[in-house]
C-alpha atoms as a PDB file:
ATOM      1  CA  UNK A   1     -38.393 -31.464  73.201  1.00  0.00           C
ATOM      2  CA  UNK A   2     -38.237 -28.134  71.571  1.00  0.00           C
ATOM      3  CA  UNK A   3     -34.898 -27.075  73.316  1.00  0.00           C
ATOM      4  CA  UNK A   4     -32.951 -29.975  71.277  1.00  0.00           C
ATOM      5  CA  UNK A   5     -34.384 -28.973  68.314  1.00  0.00           C
ATOM      6  CA  UNK A   6     -33.822 -25.403  68.446  1.00  0.00           C
ATOM      7  CA  UNK A   7     -30.007 -26.167  69.859  1.00  0.00           C
ATOM      8  CA  UNK A   8     -29.558 -28.011  66.758  1.00  0.00           C
ATOM      9  CA  UNK A   9     -30.305 -24.898  64.493  1.00  0.00           C
ATOM     10  CA  UNK A  10     -27.689 -23.227  66.521  1.00  0.00           C
ATOM     11  CA  UNK A  11     -25.057 -25.997  66.285  1.00  0.00           C
ATOM     12  CA  UNK A  12     -26.050 -25.679  62.278  1.00  0.00           C
ATOM     13  CA  UNK A  13     -25.615 -21.878  61.919  1.00  0.00           C
ATOM     14  CA  UNK A  14     -22.369 -22.079  64.205  1.00  0.00           C
ATOM     15  CA  UNK A  15     -20.951 -24.516  61.890  1.00  0.00           C
ATOM     16  CA  UNK A  16     -21.988 -22.272  59.112  1.00  0.00           C
ATOM     17  CA  UNK A  17     -20.458 -18.786  61.157  1.00  0.00           C
ATOM     18  CA  UNK A  18     -17.935 -20.314  63.944  1.00  0.00           C
ATOM     19  CA  UNK A  19     -18.285 -16.426  65.265  1.00  0.00           C
ATOM     20  CA  UNK A  20     -21.635 -16.579  65.662  1.00  0.00           C
ATOM     21  CA  UNK A  21     -22.646 -16.305  69.865  1.00  0.00           C
ATOM     22  CA  UNK A  22     -25.373 -18.323  71.763  1.00  0.00           C
ATOM     23  CA  UNK A  23     -27.342 -18.765  74.972  1.00  0.00           C
ATOM     24  CA  UNK A  24     -30.321 -19.477  76.170  1.00  0.00           C
ATOM     25  CA  UNK A  25     -32.573 -17.592  78.819  1.00  0.00           C
ATOM     26  CA  UNK A  26     -35.225 -18.618  81.097  1.00  0.00           C
ATOM     27  CA  UNK A  27     -38.088 -16.441  80.954  1.00  0.00           C
ATOM     28  CA  UNK A  28     -41.791 -16.338  82.249  1.00  0.00           C
ATOM     29  CA  UNK A  29     -40.221 -18.372  85.365  1.00  0.00           C
ATOM     30  CA  UNK A  30     -43.042 -18.901  88.068  1.00  0.00           C
ATOM     31  CA  UNK A  31     -41.237 -17.627  91.264  1.00  0.00           C
ATOM     32  CA  UNK A  32     -40.630 -20.456  94.034  1.00  0.00           C
ATOM     33  CA  UNK A  33     -40.961 -23.229  91.149  1.00  0.00           C
ATOM     34  CA  UNK A  34     -38.694 -26.177  91.417  1.00  0.00           C
ATOM     35  CA  UNK A  35     -38.980 -26.901  88.193  1.00  0.00           C
ATOM     36  CA  UNK A  36     -36.648 -23.477  87.376  1.00  0.00           C
ATOM     37  CA  UNK A  37     -33.454 -25.710  89.208  1.00  0.00           C
ATOM     38  CA  UNK A  38     -34.329 -29.059  86.828  1.00  0.00           C
ATOM     39  CA  UNK A  39     -34.440 -27.318  83.335  1.00  0.00           C
ATOM     40  CA  UNK A  40     -31.275 -25.643  84.720  1.00  0.00           C
ATOM     41  CA  UNK A  41     -29.474 -28.644  85.443  1.00  0.00           C
ATOM     42  CA  UNK A  42     -31.083 -30.451  81.628  1.00  0.00           C
ATOM     43  CA  UNK A  43     -29.619 -27.052  79.977  1.00  0.00           C
ATOM     44  CA  UNK A  44     -26.101 -27.748  81.417  1.00  0.00           C
ATOM     45  CA  UNK A  45     -25.765 -31.494  80.108  1.00  0.00           C
ATOM     46  CA  UNK A  46     -26.970 -30.123  76.946  1.00  0.00           C
ATOM     47  CA  UNK A  47     -24.130 -28.360  76.389  1.00  0.00           C
ATOM     48  CA  UNK A  48     -24.938 -24.575  75.121  1.00  0.00           C
ATOM     49  CA  UNK A  49     -24.327 -21.351  77.480  1.00  0.00           C
ATOM     50  CA  UNK A  50     -27.291 -20.392  79.785  1.00  0.00           C
ATOM     51  CA  UNK A  51     -27.398 -16.499  80.388  1.00  0.00           C
ATOM     52  CA  UNK A  52     -27.503 -15.327  84.105  1.00  0.00           C
ATOM     53  CA  UNK A  53     -30.127 -13.467  83.599  1.00  0.00           C
ATOM     54  CA  UNK A  54     -33.749 -14.465  84.662  1.00  0.00           C
ATOM     55  CA  UNK A  55     -37.281 -13.135  82.930  1.00  0.00           C
ATOM     56  CA  UNK A  56     -39.861 -13.918  85.303  1.00  0.00           C
ATOM     57  CA  UNK A  57     -43.737 -14.357  84.456  1.00  0.00           C
ATOM     58  CA  UNK A  58     -45.120  -9.867  85.103  1.00  0.00           C
ATOM     59  CA  UNK A  59     -48.265  -8.623  83.875  1.00  0.00           C
ATOM     60  CA  UNK A  60     -46.022  -5.540  82.904  1.00  0.00           C
ATOM     61  CA  UNK A  61     -44.346  -8.088  80.596  1.00  0.00           C
ATOM     62  CA  UNK A  62     -47.725  -9.347  79.066  1.00  0.00           C
ATOM     63  CA  UNK A  63     -49.025  -5.479  78.977  1.00  0.00           C
ATOM     64  CA  UNK A  64     -46.318  -3.561  77.872  1.00  0.00           C
ATOM     65  CA  UNK A  65     -47.016  -4.058  74.159  1.00  0.00           C
ATOM     66  CA  UNK A  66     -50.292  -2.037  75.085  1.00  0.00           C
ATOM     67  CA  UNK A  67     -48.306   0.736  77.401  1.00  0.00           C
ATOM     68  CA  UNK A  68     -45.556   2.059  76.819  1.00  0.00           C
ATOM     69  CA  UNK A  69     -42.639  -0.549  77.319  1.00  0.00           C
ATOM     70  CA  UNK A  70     -41.184  -2.110  80.186  1.00  0.00           C
ATOM     71  CA  UNK A  71     -38.582   0.274  81.214  1.00  0.00           C
ATOM     72  CA  UNK A  72     -41.363   3.089  81.088  1.00  0.00           C
ATOM     73  CA  UNK A  73     -43.493   0.923  83.785  1.00  0.00           C
ATOM     74  CA  UNK A  74     -43.526   1.379  87.466  1.00  0.00           C
ATOM     75  CA  UNK A  75     -42.919  -2.597  88.083  1.00  0.00           C
ATOM     76  CA  UNK A  76     -39.220  -2.185  88.971  1.00  0.00           C
ATOM     77  CA  UNK A  77     -38.055  -6.188  89.213  1.00  0.00           C
ATOM     78  CA  UNK A  78     -39.399  -6.199  85.449  1.00  0.00           C
ATOM     79  CA  UNK A  79     -37.121  -3.111  84.334  1.00  0.00           C
ATOM     80  CA  UNK A  80     -34.287  -4.517  86.307  1.00  0.00           C
ATOM     81  CA  UNK A  81     -34.484  -8.102  84.308  1.00  0.00           C
ATOM     82  CA  UNK A  82     -34.699  -6.107  81.277  1.00  0.00           C
ATOM     83  CA  UNK A  83     -31.915  -3.955  82.147  1.00  0.00           C
ATOM     84  CA  UNK A  84     -29.527  -7.026  83.142  1.00  0.00           C
ATOM     85  CA  UNK A  85     -30.644  -9.154  79.979  1.00  0.00           C
ATOM     86  CA  UNK A  86     -29.728  -6.334  77.782  1.00  0.00           C
ATOM     87  CA  UNK A  87     -26.618  -5.310  78.984  1.00  0.00           C
ATOM     88  CA  UNK A  88     -25.807  -9.337  79.536  1.00  0.00           C
ATOM     89  CA  UNK A  89     -25.906  -9.508  75.830  1.00  0.00           C
ATOM     90  CA  UNK A  90     -24.245  -6.408  75.084  1.00  0.00           C
ATOM     91  CA  UNK A  91     -21.474  -7.633  77.238  1.00  0.00           C
ATOM     92  CA  UNK A  92     -21.614 -11.296  75.281  1.00  0.00           C
ATOM     93  CA  UNK A  93     -21.484  -9.957  71.382  1.00  0.00           C
ATOM     94  CA  UNK A  94     -18.995  -7.235  72.655  1.00  0.00           C
ATOM     95  CA  UNK A  95     -16.221  -9.944  73.005  1.00  0.00           C
END
């Protein structure tokens, strides 16, 4: 699993810098997919914090690099997801 090698890199980096903070963000989620709950359960067993933010698979996100970006789009749900994620990250690193 790719997540295990990613978590190993995080633990290695945190051993070098104990102030380094990390968390997993679930992204490209499919609405009403049962696999999301399974992934959440697996991540909890691996011992790395799972952020509350969830970013769903949206056309507006895919197009954002060619448009004015998510925050200037008309997709209110995408704006809320990205804003919530940004706020959560700022809160995490501000402690």
